[in-house]
PDB file of N, CA and C in Angstrom:
ATOM      1  N   VAL A   1      82.133  73.852  21.773  1.00  0.00           N
ATOM      2  CA  VAL A   1      83.294  72.880  22.363  1.00  0.00           C
ATOM      3  C   VAL A   1      82.699  71.852  22.803  1.00  0.00           C
ATOM      4  N   GLN A   2      83.303  70.193  22.091  1.00  0.00           N
ATOM      5  CA  GLN A   2      83.338  68.752  22.600  1.00  0.00           C
ATOM      6  C   GLN A   2      84.740  68.356  22.946  1.00  0.00           C
ATOM      7  N   LEU A   3      84.197  67.610  24.917  1.00  0.00           N
ATOM      8  CA  LEU A   3      85.798  66.965  24.729  1.00  0.00           C
ATOM      9  C   LEU A   3      85.450  65.414  24.905  1.00  0.00           C
ATOM     10  N   VAL A   4      86.584  64.295  24.413  1.00  0.00           N
ATOM     11  CA  VAL A   4      86.135  63.105  23.988  1.00  0.00           C
ATOM     12  C   VAL A   4      87.284  62.269  24.734  1.00  0.00           C
ATOM     13  N   GLU A   5      86.391  61.588  25.903  1.00  0.00           N
ATOM     14  CA  GLU A   5      87.516  60.796  26.818  1.00  0.00           C
ATOM     15  C   GLU A   5      87.960  59.662  26.453  1.00  0.00           C
ATOM     16  N   SER A   6      88.587  58.860  26.328  1.00  0.00           N
ATOM     17  CA  SER A   6      89.848  57.253  25.706  1.00  0.00           C
ATOM     18  C   SER A   6      90.001  56.723  27.185  1.00  0.00           C
ATOM     19  N   GLY A   7      90.620  55.978  27.460  1.00  0.00           N
ATOM     20  CA  GLY A   7      91.840  55.239  27.971  1.00  0.00           C
ATOM     21  C   GLY A   7      91.371  54.685  29.458  1.00  0.00           C
ATOM     22  N   GLY A   8      90.279  54.784  29.706  1.00  0.00           N
ATOM     23  CA  GLY A   8      89.389  53.967  31.305  1.00  0.00           C
ATOM     24  C   GLY A   8      89.608  52.609  30.883  1.00  0.00           C
ATOM     25  N   GLY A   9      89.449  51.870  32.304  1.00  0.00           N
ATOM     26  CA  GLY A   9      89.277  50.305  32.264  1.00  0.00           C
ATOM     27  C   GLY A   9      89.960  49.763  33.458  1.00  0.00           C
ATOM     28  N   LEU A  10      89.923  48.624  33.605  1.00  0.00           N
ATOM     29  CA  LEU A  10      89.827  47.326  34.552  1.00  0.00           C
ATOM     30  C   LEU A  10      91.521  47.613  34.912  1.00  0.00           C
ATOM     31  N   VAL A  11      91.810  48.064  35.768  1.00  0.00           N
ATOM     32  CA  VAL A  11      93.530  47.392  36.558  1.00  0.00           C
ATOM     33  C   VAL A  11      93.984  47.024  37.514  1.00  0.00           C
ATOM     34  N   GLN A  12      95.257  46.558  38.085  1.00  0.00           N
ATOM     35  CA  GLN A  12      95.111  45.938  39.229  1.00  0.00           C
ATOM     36  C   GLN A  12      95.911  46.774  39.800  1.00  0.00           C
ATOM     37  N   ALA A  13      95.439  46.695  41.479  1.00  0.00           N
ATOM     38  CA  ALA A  13      96.198  47.560  42.480  1.00  0.00           C
ATOM     39  C   ALA A  13      97.717  47.935  41.744  1.00  0.00           C
ATOM     40  N   GLY A  14      98.700  49.407  42.007  1.00  0.00           N
ATOM     41  CA  GLY A  14      99.951  49.910  41.298  1.00  0.00           C
ATOM     42  C   GLY A  14     100.214  49.561  40.224  1.00  0.00           C
ATOM     43  N   GLY A  15      98.709  49.048  39.319  1.00  0.00           N
ATOM     44  CA  GLY A  15      99.032  49.549  37.310  1.00  0.00           C
ATOM     45  C   GLY A  15      98.803  50.471  37.170  1.00  0.00           C
ATOM     46  N   SER A  16      99.226  50.519  36.097  1.00  0.00           N
ATOM     47  CA  SER A  16      99.190  51.925  35.201  1.00  0.00           C
ATOM     48  C   SER A  16      97.969  51.754  34.020  1.00  0.00           C
ATOM     49  N   LEU A  17      97.892  53.555  34.012  1.00  0.00           N
ATOM     50  CA  LEU A  17      96.434  53.809  33.347  1.00  0.00           C
ATOM     51  C   LEU A  17      96.918  54.890  32.107  1.00  0.00           C
ATOM     52  N   ARG A  18      96.475  55.267  31.091  1.00  0.00           N
ATOM     53  CA  ARG A  18      96.681  56.286  30.207  1.00  0.00           C
ATOM     54  C   ARG A  18      95.270  56.969  29.975  1.00  0.00           C
ATOM     55  N   LEU A  19      94.601  57.839  30.527  1.00  0.00           N
ATOM     56  CA  LEU A  19      94.153  58.629  29.666  1.00  0.00           C
ATOM     57  C   LEU A  19      93.684  60.210  28.938  1.00  0.00           C
ATOM     58  N   THR A  20      92.832  60.107  28.137  1.00  0.00           N
ATOM     59  CA  THR A  20      93.598  61.079  27.034  1.00  0.00           C
ATOM     60  C   THR A  20      92.019  61.983  27.009  1.00  0.00           C
ATOM     61  N   CYS A  21      92.164  62.863  26.776  1.00  0.00           N
ATOM     62  CA  CYS A  21      90.973  64.032  26.142  1.00  0.00           C
ATOM     63  C   CYS A  21      91.244  64.724  24.955  1.00  0.00           C
ATOM     64  N   ALA A  22      89.916  64.817  24.175  1.00  0.00           N
ATOM     65  CA  ALA A  22      90.558  65.761  23.076  1.00  0.00           C
ATOM     66  C   ALA A  22      89.543  66.368  22.964  1.00  0.00           C
ATOM     67  N   ALA A  23      89.695  67.560  22.930  1.00  0.00           N
ATOM     68  CA  ALA A  23      89.156  68.933  22.567  1.00  0.00           C
ATOM     69  C   ALA A  23      88.850  69.321  21.252  1.00  0.00           C
ATOM     70  N   SER A  24      87.785  69.462  20.926  1.00  0.00           N
ATOM     71  CA  SER A  24      87.657  69.700  19.033  1.00  0.00           C
ATOM     72  C   SER A  24      86.240  70.960  19.108  1.00  0.00           C
ATOM     73  N   GLY A  25      85.936  71.419  18.030  1.00  0.00           N
ATOM     74  CA  GLY A  25      84.775  72.561  17.726  1.00  0.00           C
ATOM     75  C   GLY A  25      85.996  74.509  17.929  1.00  0.00           C
ATOM     76  N   SER A  26      85.173  74.830  18.773  1.00  0.00           N
ATOM     77  CA  SER A  26      86.129  76.495  18.964  1.00  0.00           C
ATOM     78  C   SER A  26      86.771  76.466  19.779  1.00  0.00           C
ATOM     79  N   THR A  27      88.100  75.890  20.022  1.00  0.00           N
ATOM     80  CA  THR A  27      88.517  75.202  21.350  1.00  0.00           C
ATOM     81  C   THR A  27      90.185  76.240  20.730  1.00  0.00           C
ATOM     82  N   ALA A  28      89.386  77.896  20.490  1.00  0.00           N
ATOM     83  CA  ALA A  28      90.821  78.922  20.664  1.00  0.00           C
ATOM     84  C   ALA A  28      90.437  79.749  21.932  1.00  0.00           C
ATOM     85  N   ARG A  29      89.455  79.608  22.710  1.00  0.00           N
ATOM     86  CA  ARG A  29      89.063  80.206  24.073  1.00  0.00           C
ATOM     87  C   ARG A  29      89.258  79.232  25.072  1.00  0.00           C
ATOM     88  N   ILE A  30      89.708  77.797  25.333  1.00  0.00           N
ATOM     89  CA  ILE A  30      89.761  77.071  25.811  1.00  0.00           C
ATOM     90  C   ILE A  30      91.265  77.892  26.815  1.00  0.00           C
ATOM     91  N   GLU A  31      90.851  77.131  28.041  1.00  0.00           N
ATOM     92  CA  GLU A  31      92.040  77.575  28.891  1.00  0.00           C
ATOM     93  C   GLU A  31      92.395  76.802  29.477  1.00  0.00           C
ATOM     94  N   THR A  32      92.100  76.463  31.108  1.00  0.00           N
ATOM     95  CA  THR A  32      92.909  75.258  31.478  1.00  0.00           C
ATOM     96  C   THR A  32      92.373  74.063  30.989  1.00  0.00           C
ATOM     97  N   MET A  33      93.289  72.896  30.875  1.00  0.00           N
ATOM     98  CA  MET A  33      92.339  71.911  30.629  1.00  0.00           C
ATOM     99  C   MET A  33      92.937  70.746  31.929  1.00  0.00           C
ATOM    100  N   GLY A  34      91.992  69.855  32.528  1.00  0.00           N
ATOM    101  CA  GLY A  34      91.653  69.255  33.847  1.00  0.00           C
ATOM    102  C   GLY A  34      90.839  67.871  33.908  1.00  0.00           C
ATOM    103  N   TRP A  35      90.826  66.610  34.232  1.00  0.00           N
ATOM    104  CA  TRP A  35      90.309  65.542  35.044  1.00  0.00           C
ATOM    105  C   TRP A  35      89.699  65.841  36.471  1.00  0.00           C
ATOM    106  N   TYR A  36      88.429  65.926  36.268  1.00  0.00           N
ATOM    107  CA  TYR A  36      87.866  65.678  37.707  1.00  0.00           C
ATOM    108  C   TYR A  36      87.312  64.003  37.909  1.00  0.00           C
ATOM    109  N   ARG A  37      87.425  63.949  38.854  1.00  0.00           N
ATOM    110  CA  ARG A  37      85.958  62.125  39.620  1.00  0.00           C
ATOM    111  C   ARG A  37      85.527  63.443  40.405  1.00  0.00           C
ATOM    112  N   GLN A  38      84.507  62.395  41.221  1.00  0.00           N
ATOM    113  CA  GLN A  38      83.468  62.280  42.021  1.00  0.00           C
ATOM    114  C   GLN A  38      83.215  61.211  43.019  1.00  0.00           C
ATOM    115  N   PRO A  39      83.931  61.040  44.441  1.00  0.00           N
ATOM    116  CA  PRO A  39      83.921  60.073  44.767  1.00  0.00           C
ATOM    117  C   PRO A  39      82.780  60.140  45.535  1.00  0.00           C
ATOM    118  N   PRO A  40      81.698  58.843  46.011  1.00  0.00           N
ATOM    119  CA  PRO A  40      80.632  58.866  46.151  1.00  0.00           C
ATOM    120  C   PRO A  40      80.745  59.323  47.670  1.00  0.00           C
ATOM    121  N   GLY A  41      79.552  60.378  47.508  1.00  0.00           N
ATOM    122  CA  GLY A  41      79.084  61.196  48.431  1.00  0.00           C
ATOM    123  C   GLY A  41      79.753  62.724  48.725  1.00  0.00           C
ATOM    124  N   LYS A  42      80.233  62.332  47.721  1.00  0.00           N
ATOM    125  CA  LYS A  42      81.216  63.954  48.014  1.00  0.00           C
ATOM    126  C   LYS A  42      80.999  64.555  46.278  1.00  0.00           C
ATOM    127  N   LYS A  43      81.326  66.144  46.345  1.00  0.00           N
ATOM    128  CA  LYS A  43      81.585  66.850  45.428  1.00  0.00           C
ATOM    129  C   LYS A  43      82.899  66.864  44.430  1.00  0.00           C
ATOM    130  N   ARG A  44      82.478  66.767  43.030  1.00  0.00           N
ATOM    131  CA  ARG A  44      83.564  66.297  41.923  1.00  0.00           C
ATOM    132  C   ARG A  44      84.571  67.432  42.305  1.00  0.00           C
ATOM    133  N   GLU A  45      85.309  66.772  42.155  1.00  0.00           N
ATOM    134  CA  GLU A  45      87.136  67.185  42.474  1.00  0.00           C
ATOM    135  C   GLU A  45      87.984  66.890  41.280  1.00  0.00           C
ATOM    136  N   LEU A  46      88.587  68.168  41.715  1.00  0.00           N
ATOM    137  CA  LEU A  46      89.990  68.176  40.348  1.00  0.00           C
ATOM    138  C   LEU A  46      91.113  67.671  41.098  1.00  0.00           C
ATOM    139  N   VAL A  47      91.586  66.485  40.012  1.00  0.00           N
ATOM    140  CA  VAL A  47      92.709  65.571  40.162  1.00  0.00           C
ATOM    141  C   VAL A  47      93.706  66.090  39.292  1.00  0.00           C
ATOM    142  N   ALA A  48      93.079  67.019  38.468  1.00  0.00           N
ATOM    143  CA  ALA A  48      94.566  67.597  38.048  1.00  0.00           C
ATOM    144  C   ALA A  48      94.464  68.101  36.632  1.00  0.00           C
ATOM    145  N   GLY A  49      94.963  69.586  37.162  1.00  0.00           N
ATOM    146  CA  GLY A  49      94.942  70.941  35.403  1.00  0.00           C
ATOM    147  C   GLY A  49      95.793  71.195  35.339  1.00  0.00           C
ATOM    148  N   ILE A  50      95.714  71.441  33.899  1.00  0.00           N
ATOM    149  CA  ILE A  50      97.038  71.789  33.400  1.00  0.00           C
ATOM    150  C   ILE A  50      96.552  73.254  32.351  1.00  0.00           C
ATOM    151  N   ALA A  51      97.271  74.342  32.520  1.00  0.00           N
ATOM    152  CA  ALA A  51      96.945  75.813  31.277  1.00  0.00           C
ATOM    153  C   ALA A  51      97.621  75.657  30.321  1.00  0.00           C
ATOM    154  N   ARG A  52      97.137  76.393  29.858  1.00  0.00           N
ATOM    155  CA  ARG A  52      97.600  76.854  28.483  1.00  0.00           C
ATOM    156  C   ARG A  52      99.824  76.827  28.519  1.00  0.00           C
ATOM    157  N   ASP A  53      99.778  78.142  29.515  1.00  0.00           N
ATOM    158  CA  ASP A  53     101.519  78.241  29.841  1.00  0.00           C
ATOM    159  C   ASP A  53     102.154  76.736  30.388  1.00  0.00           C
ATOM    160  N   GLY A  54     101.422  75.992  30.150  1.00  0.00           N
ATOM    161  CA  GLY A  54     101.832  74.989  31.028  1.00  0.00           C
ATOM    162  C   GLY A  54     102.109  74.434  32.983  1.00  0.00           C
ATOM    163  N   THR A  55     101.589  75.272  33.471  1.00  0.00           N
ATOM    164  CA  THR A  55     100.911  75.048  34.679  1.00  0.00           C
ATOM    165  C   THR A  55     100.520  74.331  35.622  1.00  0.00           C
ATOM    166  N   ILE A  56     100.684  73.622  36.581  1.00  0.00           N
ATOM    167  CA  ILE A  56     100.186  72.034  36.533  1.00  0.00           C
ATOM    168  C   ILE A  56      99.135  72.345  37.978  1.00  0.00           C
ATOM    169  N   THR A  57      98.468  71.831  38.403  1.00  0.00           N
ATOM    170  CA  THR A  57      97.747  71.593  39.589  1.00  0.00           C
ATOM    171  C   THR A  57      97.301  69.707  39.884  1.00  0.00           C
ATOM    172  N   TYR A  58      97.886  69.657  41.339  1.00  0.00           N
ATOM    173  CA  TYR A  58      97.491  67.909  40.705  1.00  0.00           C
ATOM    174  C   TYR A  58      96.451  68.359  42.539  1.00  0.00           C
ATOM    175  N   ALA A  59      95.667  67.697  43.052  1.00  0.00           N
ATOM    176  CA  ALA A  59      95.345  66.973  44.821  1.00  0.00           C
ATOM    177  C   ALA A  59      96.631  66.348  45.331  1.00  0.00           C
ATOM    178  N   ASP A  60      96.146  66.626  46.606  1.00  0.00           N
ATOM    179  CA  ASP A  60      97.383  65.893  47.242  1.00  0.00           C
ATOM    180  C   ASP A  60      97.636  64.070  46.799  1.00  0.00           C
ATOM    181  N   SER A  61      96.008  63.711  47.117  1.00  0.00           N
ATOM    182  CA  SER A  61      96.490  62.415  46.474  1.00  0.00           C
ATOM    183  C   SER A  61      97.019  61.440  46.188  1.00  0.00           C
ATOM    184  N   VAL A  62      97.296  62.522  44.611  1.00  0.00           N
ATOM    185  CA  VAL A  62      97.815  61.771  43.053  1.00  0.00           C
ATOM    186  C   VAL A  62      99.441  62.361  43.331  1.00  0.00           C
ATOM    187  N   LYS A  63      99.415  63.474  44.510  1.00  0.00           N
ATOM    188  CA  LYS A  63     101.116  63.671  43.870  1.00  0.00           C
ATOM    189  C   LYS A  63     101.786  62.908  43.359  1.00  0.00           C
ATOM    190  N   GLY A  64     102.995  62.668  42.827  1.00  0.00           N
ATOM    191  CA  GLY A  64     103.913  61.424  42.887  1.00  0.00           C
ATOM    192  C   GLY A  64     103.292  60.647  42.065  1.00  0.00           C
ATOM    193  N   ARG A  65     101.982  60.310  41.551  1.00  0.00           N
ATOM    194  CA  ARG A  65     101.591  59.117  40.933  1.00  0.00           C
ATOM    195  C   ARG A  65     100.923  59.334  39.563  1.00  0.00           C
ATOM    196  N   PHE A  66     100.366  60.253  39.621  1.00  0.00           N
ATOM    197  CA  PHE A  66      99.969  60.721  38.400  1.00  0.00           C
ATOM    198  C   PHE A  66     100.706  61.900  37.580  1.00  0.00           C
ATOM    199  N   THR A  67     100.578  62.198  36.501  1.00  0.00           N
ATOM    200  CA  THR A  67     101.155  63.164  35.704  1.00  0.00           C
ATOM    201  C   THR A  67     100.280  63.693  34.555  1.00  0.00           C
ATOM    202  N   ILE A  68     100.263  64.806  34.390  1.00  0.00           N
ATOM    203  CA  ILE A  68      99.276  65.469  33.509  1.00  0.00           C
ATOM    204  C   ILE A  68     100.312  66.360  32.829  1.00  0.00           C
ATOM    205  N   SER A  69      99.600  66.226  30.792  1.00  0.00           N
ATOM    206  CA  SER A  69     100.562  66.714  30.168  1.00  0.00           C
ATOM    207  C   SER A  69      99.366  66.962  29.117  1.00  0.00           C
ATOM    208  N   ARG A  70      99.583  68.264  28.447  1.00  0.00           N
ATOM    209  CA  ARG A  70      98.989  68.794  27.389  1.00  0.00           C
ATOM    210  C   ARG A  70     100.426  69.251  25.548  1.00  0.00           C
ATOM    211  N   ASP A  71      98.985  69.301  25.053  1.00  0.00           N
ATOM    212  CA  ASP A  71      99.273  69.575  23.376  1.00  0.00           C
ATOM    213  C   ASP A  71      98.475  70.149  23.241  1.00  0.00           C
ATOM    214  N   ASN A  72      99.253  71.449  22.892  1.00  0.00           N
ATOM    215  CA  ASN A  72      97.703  72.721  22.616  1.00  0.00           C
ATOM    216  C   ASN A  72      97.204  72.937  21.396  1.00  0.00           C
ATOM    217  N   ALA A  73      98.492  72.496  20.251  1.00  0.00           N
ATOM    218  CA  ALA A  73      97.989  72.869  19.042  1.00  0.00           C
ATOM    219  C   ALA A  73      97.151  71.426  18.688  1.00  0.00           C
ATOM    220  N   MET A  74      97.299  69.940  19.525  1.00  0.00           N
ATOM    221  CA  MET A  74      96.262  69.330  19.108  1.00  0.00           C
ATOM    222  C   MET A  74      94.315  69.169  20.034  1.00  0.00           C
ATOM    223  N   ASN A  75      94.724  70.458  21.274  1.00  0.00           N
ATOM    224  CA  ASN A  75      93.772  70.592  22.052  1.00  0.00           C
ATOM    225  C   ASN A  75      94.129  68.972  22.544  1.00  0.00           C
ATOM    226  N   THR A  76      94.534  68.083  23.345  1.00  0.00           N
ATOM    227  CA  THR A  76      94.749  67.429  23.449  1.00  0.00           C
ATOM    228  C   THR A  76      95.614  66.772  25.199  1.00  0.00           C
ATOM    229  N   VAL A  77      94.788  66.568  26.027  1.00  0.00           N
ATOM    230  CA  VAL A  77      95.189  66.570  27.956  1.00  0.00           C
ATOM    231  C   VAL A  77      95.374  64.908  27.426  1.00  0.00           C
ATOM    232  N   TRP A  78      96.881  64.419  28.403  1.00  0.00           N
ATOM    233  CA  TRP A  78      96.663  62.806  29.007  1.00  0.00           C
ATOM    234  C   TRP A  78      96.770  62.902  30.128  1.00  0.00           C
ATOM    235  N   LEU A  79      96.477  62.000  31.188  1.00  0.00           N
ATOM    236  CA  LEU A  79      96.071  61.908  32.348  1.00  0.00           C
ATOM    237  C   LEU A  79      97.081  60.430  32.595  1.00  0.00           C
ATOM    238  N   GLN A  80      98.704  60.388  32.854  1.00  0.00           N
ATOM    239  CA  GLN A  80      99.404  59.396  33.233  1.00  0.00           C
ATOM    240  C   GLN A  80      98.825  58.875  35.021  1.00  0.00           C
ATOM    241  N   MET A  81      98.833  57.413  34.948  1.00  0.00           N
ATOM    242  CA  MET A  81      98.286  56.880  36.699  1.00  0.00           C
ATOM    243  C   MET A  81      99.327  56.153  36.287  1.00  0.00           C
ATOM    244  N   ASN A  82      99.668  56.311  37.685  1.00  0.00           N
ATOM    245  CA  ASN A  82     100.760  55.157  38.579  1.00  0.00           C
ATOM    246  C   ASN A  82     100.694  54.803  39.241  1.00  0.00           C
ATOM    247  N   SER A  83     100.936  53.516  39.866  1.00  0.00           N
ATOM    248  CA  SER A  83     100.554  53.324  41.126  1.00  0.00           C
ATOM    249  C   SER A  83      99.236  53.545  41.719  1.00  0.00           C
ATOM    250  N   LEU A  84      98.320  52.701  40.964  1.00  0.00           N
ATOM    251  CA  LEU A  84      96.995  53.011  41.554  1.00  0.00           C
ATOM    252  C   LEU A  84      96.267  51.831  42.317  1.00  0.00           C
ATOM    253  N   LYS A  85      95.565  52.888  42.844  1.00  0.00           N
ATOM    254  CA  LYS A  85      95.348  52.504  44.055  1.00  0.00           C
ATOM    255  C   LYS A  85      93.789  52.346  43.857  1.00  0.00           C
ATOM    256  N   PRO A  86      93.032  50.986  45.108  1.00  0.00           N
ATOM    257  CA  PRO A  86      91.581  50.795  44.983  1.00  0.00           C
ATOM    258  C   PRO A  86      90.443  52.387  45.176  1.00  0.00           C
ATOM    259  N   GLU A  87      91.451  53.282  45.810  1.00  0.00           N
ATOM    260  CA  GLU A  87      90.793  54.759  45.931  1.00  0.00           C
ATOM    261  C   GLU A  87      90.436  55.455  44.829  1.00  0.00           C
ATOM    262  N   ASP A  88      91.668  54.836  43.574  1.00  0.00           N
ATOM    263  CA  ASP A  88      91.269  55.656  42.735  1.00  0.00           C
ATOM    264  C   ASP A  88      90.302  55.247  41.649  1.00  0.00           C
ATOM    265  N   THR A  89      89.174  54.141  42.031  1.00  0.00           N
ATOM    266  CA  THR A  89      88.364  53.712  41.409  1.00  0.00           C
ATOM    267  C   THR A  89      87.341  55.337  41.273  1.00  0.00           C
ATOM    268  N   ASP A  90      86.781  55.451  40.246  1.00  0.00           N
ATOM    269  CA  ASP A  90      85.856  56.600  39.950  1.00  0.00           C
ATOM    270  C   ASP A  90      85.215  56.824  38.292  1.00  0.00           C
ATOM    271  N   VAL A  91      84.720  57.320  38.172  1.00  0.00           N
ATOM    272  CA  VAL A  91      84.761  58.013  36.396  1.00  0.00           C
ATOM    273  C   VAL A  91      85.040  59.405  36.645  1.00  0.00           C
ATOM    274  N   TYR A  92      86.505  59.859  35.789  1.00  0.00           N
ATOM    275  CA  TYR A  92      86.774  60.010  35.651  1.00  0.00           C
ATOM    276  C   TYR A  92      86.461  61.180  33.963  1.00  0.00           C
ATOM    277  N   TYR A  93      86.743  62.430  34.851  1.00  0.00           N
ATOM    278  CA  TYR A  93      85.579  63.434  33.600  1.00  0.00           C
ATOM    279  C   TYR A  93      86.751  64.348  33.037  1.00  0.00           C
ATOM    280  N   CYS A  94      86.642  64.853  31.883  1.00  0.00           N
ATOM    281  CA  CYS A  94      87.507  66.208  31.153  1.00  0.00           C
ATOM    282  C   CYS A  94      86.814  67.077  30.815  1.00  0.00           C
ATOM    283  N   ASN A  95      87.806  68.461  31.988  1.00  0.00           N
ATOM    284  CA  ASN A  95      86.969  69.731  31.788  1.00  0.00           C
ATOM    285  C   ASN A  95      88.105  70.594  30.997  1.00  0.00           C
ATOM    286  N   THR A  96      87.199  71.237  30.470  1.00  0.00           N
ATOM    287  CA  THR A  96      87.607  73.147  29.965  1.00  0.00           C
ATOM    288  C   THR A  96      87.031  73.911  30.349  1.00  0.00           C
ATOM    289  N   TYR A  97      87.180  75.115  30.477  1.00  0.00           N
ATOM    290  CA  TYR A  97      86.477  76.252  30.137  1.00  0.00           C
ATOM    291  C   TYR A  97      86.930  77.566  29.742  1.00  0.00           C
ATOM    292  N   GLU A  98      85.405  78.223  28.986  1.00  0.00           N
ATOM    293  CA  GLU A  98      85.990  79.674  28.622  1.00  0.00           C
ATOM    294  C   GLU A  98      85.815  80.159  29.741  1.00  0.00           C
ATOM    295  N   LEU A  99      86.955  81.929  29.629  1.00  0.00           N
ATOM    296  CA  LEU A  99      86.023  83.230  30.433  1.00  0.00           C
ATOM    297  C   LEU A  99      85.688  84.032  29.687  1.00  0.00           C
ATOM    298  N   ARG A 100      84.042  83.728  29.724  1.00  0.00           N
ATOM    299  CA  ARG A 100      82.695  85.013  29.006  1.00  0.00           C
ATOM    300  C   ARG A 100      82.534  85.965  29.745  1.00  0.00           C
ATOM    301  N   VAL A 101      83.331  87.470  28.900  1.00  0.00           N
ATOM    302  CA  VAL A 101      83.007  88.271  29.130  1.00  0.00           C
ATOM    303  C   VAL A 101      80.644  88.238  29.643  1.00  0.00           C
ATOM    304  N   GLY A 102      80.995  89.420  31.140  1.00  0.00           N
ATOM    305  CA  GLY A 102      79.294  89.286  30.917  1.00  0.00           C
ATOM    306  C   GLY A 102      79.028  87.717  32.191  1.00  0.00           C
ATOM    307  N   ILE A 103      79.992  86.689  31.748  1.00  0.00           N
ATOM    308  CA  ILE A 103      79.748  85.347  32.414  1.00  0.00           C
ATOM    309  C   ILE A 103      80.548  84.995  33.602  1.00  0.00           C
ATOM    310  N   GLY A 104      81.668  85.079  33.312  1.00  0.00           N
ATOM    311  CA  GLY A 104      82.564  84.685  33.615  1.00  0.00           C
ATOM    312  C   GLY A 104      82.747  82.927  33.380  1.00  0.00           C
ATOM    313  N   ARG A 105      83.519  81.793  34.034  1.00  0.00           N
ATOM    314  CA  ARG A 105      83.647  80.629  33.810  1.00  0.00           C
ATOM    315  C   ARG A 105      82.364  79.921  32.921  1.00  0.00           C
ATOM    316  N   TYR A 106      82.984  79.439  32.172  1.00  0.00           N
ATOM    317  CA  TYR A 106      81.682  78.518  31.121  1.00  0.00           C
ATOM    318  C   TYR A 106      82.720  77.590  31.182  1.00  0.00           C
ATOM    319  N   ASP A 107      81.633  76.565  31.497  1.00  0.00           N
ATOM    320  CA  ASP A 107      82.846  75.080  31.738  1.00  0.00           C
ATOM    321  C   ASP A 107      82.144  73.790  30.511  1.00  0.00           C
ATOM    322  N   TYR A 108      82.942  72.993  29.723  1.00  0.00           N
ATOM    323  CA  TYR A 108      82.532  72.397  28.953  1.00  0.00           C
ATOM    324  C   TYR A 108      83.404  70.788  29.941  1.00  0.00           C
ATOM    325  N   TRP A 109      82.484  69.860  29.965  1.00  0.00           N
ATOM    326  CA  TRP A 109      82.679  68.243  29.881  1.00  0.00           C
ATOM    327  C   TRP A 109      82.464  67.144  29.003  1.00  0.00           C
ATOM    328  N   GLY A 110      83.782  66.322  29.277  1.00  0.00           N
ATOM    329  CA  GLY A 110      83.297  65.265  28.717  1.00  0.00           C
ATOM    330  C   GLY A 110      82.362  63.868  29.270  1.00  0.00           C
ATOM    331  N   GLN A 111      81.849  63.259  28.815  1.00  0.00           N
ATOM    332  CA  GLN A 111      81.051  61.779  29.229  1.00  0.00           C
ATOM    333  C   GLN A 111      81.371  60.959  30.466  1.00  0.00           C
ATOM    334  N   GLY A 112      82.693  61.353  30.489  1.00  0.00           N
ATOM    335  CA  GLY A 112      83.309  60.219  31.582  1.00  0.00           C
ATOM    336  C   GLY A 112      83.737  59.296  31.134  1.00  0.00           C
ATOM    337  N   THR A 113      85.170  58.748  31.271  1.00  0.00           N
ATOM    338  CA  THR A 113      85.261  57.213  31.439  1.00  0.00           C
ATOM    339  C   THR A 113      86.044  56.654  32.859  1.00  0.00           C
ATOM    340  N   GLN A 114      85.491  55.559  33.336  1.00  0.00           N
ATOM    341  CA  GLN A 114      85.529  54.789  33.851  1.00  0.00           C
ATOM    342  C   GLN A 114      86.821  54.068  34.230  1.00  0.00           C
ATOM    343  N   VAL A 115      87.228  54.349  35.508  1.00  0.00           N
ATOM    344  CA  VAL A 115      88.520  53.928  36.143  1.00  0.00           C
ATOM    345  C   VAL A 115      88.243  52.551  37.088  1.00  0.00           C
ATOM    346  N   THR A 116      88.637  51.697  37.242  1.00  0.00           N
ATOM    347  CA  THR A 116      88.688  50.303  38.304  1.00  0.00           C
ATOM    348  C   THR A 116      89.984  50.400  38.982  1.00  0.00           C
ATOM    349  N   VAL A 117      89.790  50.166  40.034  1.00  0.00           N
ATOM    350  CA  VAL A 117      91.120  49.810  40.378  1.00  0.00           C
ATOM    351  C   VAL A 117      91.119  48.329  41.504  1.00  0.00           C
ATOM    352  N   SER A 118      91.724  46.999  40.826  1.00  0.00           N
ATOM    353  CA  SER A 118      90.824  45.684  41.876  1.00  0.00           C
ATOM    354  C   SER A 118      91.868  46.151  42.925  1.00  0.00           C
ATOM    355  N   THR A 119      91.772  45.129  43.989  1.00  0.00           N
ATOM    356  CA  THR A 119      92.338  44.861  45.230  1.00  0.00           C
ATOM    357  C   THR A 119      93.073  43.272  44.340  1.00  0.00           C
TER     358      THR A 119
END
C-alpha cells in the first residue's frame, strides 16, 4: 500500500487548509485511515481517524476545528482544518493499517506534509 499526501502549506492563524491522502496498491484490507502529527519532543499522536464504517476519532485539541472524511471507493481520506492555530504547526502523516494473521496491526505511512501556521 502506498499513501500519497498533499495539501499542506503556510497559512495565517485562523485560516484553513485541506489535506488529502490517497491510498493505492493492495488496498482491499486496509482498515482505519487517519492523520498523525509529532510535536517536538513528543510521540507521534493521532489527530483524526476514520474507520471503514465511518466511525471517527479526534484528538481533543482539534475537536470542533478539524473534520475528517473518507471515500472508501477512492481509498482517499481528507482532513479539513479550520481555525488553525500556531500550535497546529507540524508535519502531518497519513496512516492506514492492515490486520495480518499472526502479526496483528501492520502500519503504512505517507511521506508527510508540512503544515505551518503563522501568528
